[in-house]
Amino acid sequence: MIPTLAEIKISLSNALQYMRFNSAQIIPTSVTPEFFWKSFFAAVLCLPSTIYLTITRPLETAPTIDLFALLLIDSLFYIISWIAYPVMMHLLLVLHKKEKQFGTFIIQYNWLQVWQSLIFHLLFILTQSNFLPDTLGNFLSLISLLYILATQAYMTKTTLETGWFSATAFVFFNIVLAQAILALHQNMMYL
């Protein structure tokens, strides 16, 4: 299901409000199964940035598999990374008796990924251009990462109607899951 341009605009606008820590300006949208599945179109919007970062980021050692297998593995893990967190979050929210907020949370989480992907993309270009000294680039990277984690926590706190501690724990869980997927992905490249 592909969302309309108007739906994409509203969804990205709502995600931008979370990036501004301003949930009061969010346009209410109904959480329907159709709108839930349309939110995964955000993965398509993040794909060009992901491809660019994958191609331009140097690897420590060359992969031991051929190019077709590498492309297949990268594609598979891109899909896994977009599916694993929602599946695991649904299980966690059922345990915390917050499964009613699951749809809203995932819709906002998916669209927030577009802005975060854009920030990482621009930051990578800026740091690789040698326009900034290395120490300033590293500092900017750290500040950007902290900002992105804070916006995820704010969005989680708002959509799940929970406290900062729980929201931070959910964000930490996202980091751990992402690192586990990344480690598995790296291992698959050197079979």
Protein backbone atom coordinates (compact mmCIF):
# COMPACT_ATOMS: atom_id res chain seq x y z
CA MET A 1 0.00 0.00 0.00
CA ILE A 2 1.39 3.32 -1.04
CA PRO A 3 0.24 6.41 0.85
CA THR A 4 -0.93 9.47 -1.02
CA LEU A 5 1.27 12.53 -1.20
CA ALA A 6 -1.06 14.29 1.27
CA GLU A 7 -0.75 11.39 3.75
CA ILE A 8 3.04 11.44 3.43
CA LYS A 9 3.08 15.18 4.01
CA ILE A 10 0.92 14.94 7.14
CA SER A 11 2.92 11.99 8.49
CA LEU A 12 6.27 13.70 7.94
CA SER A 13 4.90 16.90 9.44
CA ASN A 14 3.80 15.00 12.55
CA ALA A 15 7.22 13.33 12.80
CA LEU A 16 8.86 16.75 12.49
CA GLN A 17 6.81 17.95 15.46
CA TYR A 18 8.32 15.12 17.51
CA MET A 19 11.74 16.27 16.34
CA ARG A 20 10.81 19.72 17.72
CA PHE A 21 9.54 18.18 21.00
CA ASN A 22 6.14 19.71 20.25
CA SER A 23 3.36 17.13 20.41
CA ALA A 24 0.70 19.86 20.70
CA GLN A 25 0.97 20.66 16.96
CA ILE A 26 0.50 17.06 15.79
CA ILE A 27 -2.39 16.56 13.40
CA PRO A 28 -4.56 13.70 14.71
CA THR A 29 -4.81 10.75 12.34
CA SER A 30 -6.91 7.66 12.68
CA VAL A 31 -5.04 4.44 13.36
CA THR A 32 -6.42 1.95 10.89
CA PRO A 33 -4.76 -1.21 9.60
CA GLU A 34 -4.42 0.48 6.20
CA PHE A 35 -2.67 3.55 7.65
CA PHE A 36 -0.49 1.28 9.83
CA TRP A 37 0.79 -0.64 6.79
CA LYS A 38 1.18 2.56 4.77
CA SER A 39 3.59 3.86 7.42
CA PHE A 40 6.09 1.23 6.30
CA PHE A 41 6.43 3.23 3.08
CA ALA A 42 8.87 5.26 5.16
CA ALA A 43 11.34 2.43 4.48
CA VAL A 44 11.15 3.31 0.78
CA LEU A 45 11.90 6.95 1.57
CA CYS A 46 14.90 5.93 3.72
CA LEU A 47 16.25 3.52 1.11
CA PRO A 48 18.30 6.00 -1.01
CA SER A 49 20.11 7.27 2.07
CA THR A 50 20.75 3.73 3.28
CA ILE A 51 22.13 2.69 -0.10
CA TYR A 52 24.41 5.73 -0.22
CA LEU A 53 25.72 5.14 3.30
CA THR A 54 26.25 1.43 2.60
CA ILE A 55 28.18 2.07 -0.60
CA THR A 56 30.34 4.92 0.67
CA ARG A 57 31.16 3.61 4.14
CA PRO A 58 34.46 1.74 4.00
CA LEU A 59 34.62 -1.79 5.40
CA GLU A 60 37.49 -2.97 7.60
CA THR A 61 38.00 -6.03 5.41
CA ALA A 62 36.52 -6.97 2.06
CA PRO A 63 33.51 -9.32 2.19
CA THR A 64 34.19 -12.94 1.31
CA ILE A 65 30.98 -13.33 -0.72
CA ASP A 66 30.26 -12.22 -4.28
CA LEU A 67 28.45 -8.99 -5.17
CA PHE A 68 25.06 -10.62 -5.85
CA ALA A 69 25.08 -12.39 -2.48
CA LEU A 70 26.14 -9.16 -0.78
CA LEU A 71 23.25 -7.29 -2.40
CA LEU A 72 20.83 -10.04 -1.42
CA ILE A 73 22.05 -10.08 2.20
CA ASP A 74 21.94 -6.28 2.45
CA SER A 75 18.38 -6.26 1.10
CA LEU A 76 17.29 -9.00 3.46
CA PHE A 77 18.73 -7.26 6.50
CA TYR A 78 17.19 -3.94 5.48
CA ILE A 79 13.78 -5.61 5.52
CA ILE A 80 14.56 -7.40 8.80
CA SER A 81 15.59 -4.12 10.42
CA TRP A 82 12.21 -2.59 9.53
CA ILE A 83 10.22 -5.59 10.77
CA ALA A 84 12.09 -6.81 13.86
CA TYR A 85 11.54 -3.77 16.07
CA PRO A 86 7.75 -3.55 15.51
CA VAL A 87 7.38 -7.28 16.18
CA MET A 88 9.43 -7.13 19.38
CA MET A 89 7.71 -3.92 20.51
CA HIS A 90 4.31 -5.55 20.09
CA LEU A 91 5.41 -8.34 22.43
CA LEU A 92 6.77 -5.83 24.96
CA LEU A 93 3.64 -3.67 24.81
CA VAL A 94 1.44 -6.71 25.38
CA LEU A 95 3.53 -7.49 28.48
CA HIS A 96 3.14 -3.88 29.67
CA LYS A 97 -0.60 -3.86 28.83
CA LYS A 98 -0.15 -1.02 26.34
CA GLU A 99 -1.00 -2.88 23.14
CA LYS A 100 -3.75 -0.32 22.34
CA GLN A 101 -1.06 2.28 21.64
CA PHE A 102 0.98 -0.07 19.41
CA GLY A 103 -0.49 1.18 16.11
CA THR A 104 0.05 4.84 16.94
CA PHE A 105 3.56 4.16 18.20
CA ILE A 106 4.70 2.23 15.11
CA ILE A 107 3.16 4.72 12.68
CA GLN A 108 4.99 7.60 14.36
CA TYR A 109 8.18 5.56 14.78
CA ASN A 110 8.30 4.65 11.10
CA TRP A 111 7.83 8.21 9.86
CA LEU A 112 10.33 9.52 12.40
CA GLN A 113 12.92 7.24 10.79
CA VAL A 114 12.77 9.34 7.61
CA TRP A 115 13.96 12.47 9.41
CA GLN A 116 16.56 10.55 11.37
CA SER A 117 17.88 8.95 8.20
CA LEU A 118 18.16 12.40 6.63
CA ILE A 119 20.13 13.71 9.62
CA PHE A 120 22.54 10.75 9.50
CA HIS A 121 22.93 11.17 5.74
CA LEU A 122 23.72 14.89 5.96
CA LEU A 123 26.03 14.33 8.91
CA PHE A 124 27.94 11.64 7.02
CA ILE A 125 28.38 13.91 4.01
CA LEU A 126 29.53 16.76 6.25
CA THR A 127 32.06 14.66 8.15
CA GLN A 128 33.42 12.94 5.04
CA SER A 129 33.88 16.23 3.16
CA ASN A 130 36.69 17.26 5.54
CA PHE A 131 34.96 20.63 5.81
CA LEU A 132 35.10 20.34 9.61
CA PRO A 133 38.06 19.34 11.78
CA ASP A 134 37.82 15.73 12.98
CA THR A 135 37.19 16.69 16.60
CA LEU A 136 34.36 19.05 15.65
CA GLY A 137 32.89 16.40 13.33
CA ASN A 138 33.00 13.82 16.11
CA PHE A 139 31.41 16.26 18.55
CA LEU A 140 28.67 17.09 16.03
CA SER A 141 28.08 13.36 15.48
CA LEU A 142 27.73 12.80 19.23
CA ILE A 143 25.32 15.72 19.65
CA SER A 144 23.27 14.53 16.67
CA LEU A 145 23.08 11.00 18.06
CA LEU A 146 21.96 12.27 21.47
CA TYR A 147 19.37 14.50 19.81
CA ILE A 148 17.98 11.59 17.76
CA LEU A 149 17.80 9.35 20.83
CA ALA A 150 16.03 12.13 22.74
CA THR A 151 13.47 12.58 19.96
CA GLN A 152 12.83 8.83 19.91
CA ALA A 153 12.33 8.87 23.68
CA TYR A 154 9.99 11.86 23.42
CA MET A 155 7.94 10.22 20.68
CA THR A 156 7.83 6.97 22.67
CA LYS A 157 6.78 8.80 25.85
CA THR A 158 4.05 10.68 23.99
CA THR A 159 2.58 7.85 21.92
CA LEU A 160 2.74 5.19 24.63
CA GLU A 161 1.60 7.60 27.34
CA THR A 162 4.40 6.53 29.63
CA GLY A 163 7.13 8.13 31.72
CA TRP A 164 10.63 9.12 30.64
CA PHE A 165 12.20 6.09 32.31
CA SER A 166 10.07 3.61 30.37
CA ALA A 167 10.49 5.56 27.13
CA THR A 168 14.27 5.55 27.58
CA ALA A 169 14.19 1.80 28.24
CA PHE A 170 12.28 1.21 24.98
CA VAL A 171 14.83 3.33 23.08
CA PHE A 172 17.67 1.40 24.72
CA PHE A 173 15.98 -1.84 23.64
CA ASN A 174 15.86 -0.48 20.07
CA ILE A 175 19.62 0.18 20.21
CA VAL A 176 20.38 -3.31 21.51
CA LEU A 177 18.18 -4.93 18.86
CA ALA A 178 19.72 -2.81 16.08
CA GLN A 179 23.24 -3.75 17.22
CA ALA A 180 22.31 -7.44 17.28
CA ILE A 181 20.92 -7.22 13.73
CA LEU A 182 24.02 -5.31 12.59
CA ALA A 183 26.35 -7.91 14.13
CA LEU A 184 24.44 -10.74 12.42
CA HIS A 185 24.56 -8.81 9.15
CA GLN A 186 28.34 -8.36 9.46
CA ASN A 187 28.79 -12.07 10.17
CA MET A 188 26.79 -12.99 7.08
CA MET A 189 29.14 -10.95 4.86
CA TYR A 190 32.11 -13.11 5.86
CA LEU A 191 30.71 -16.62 5.43
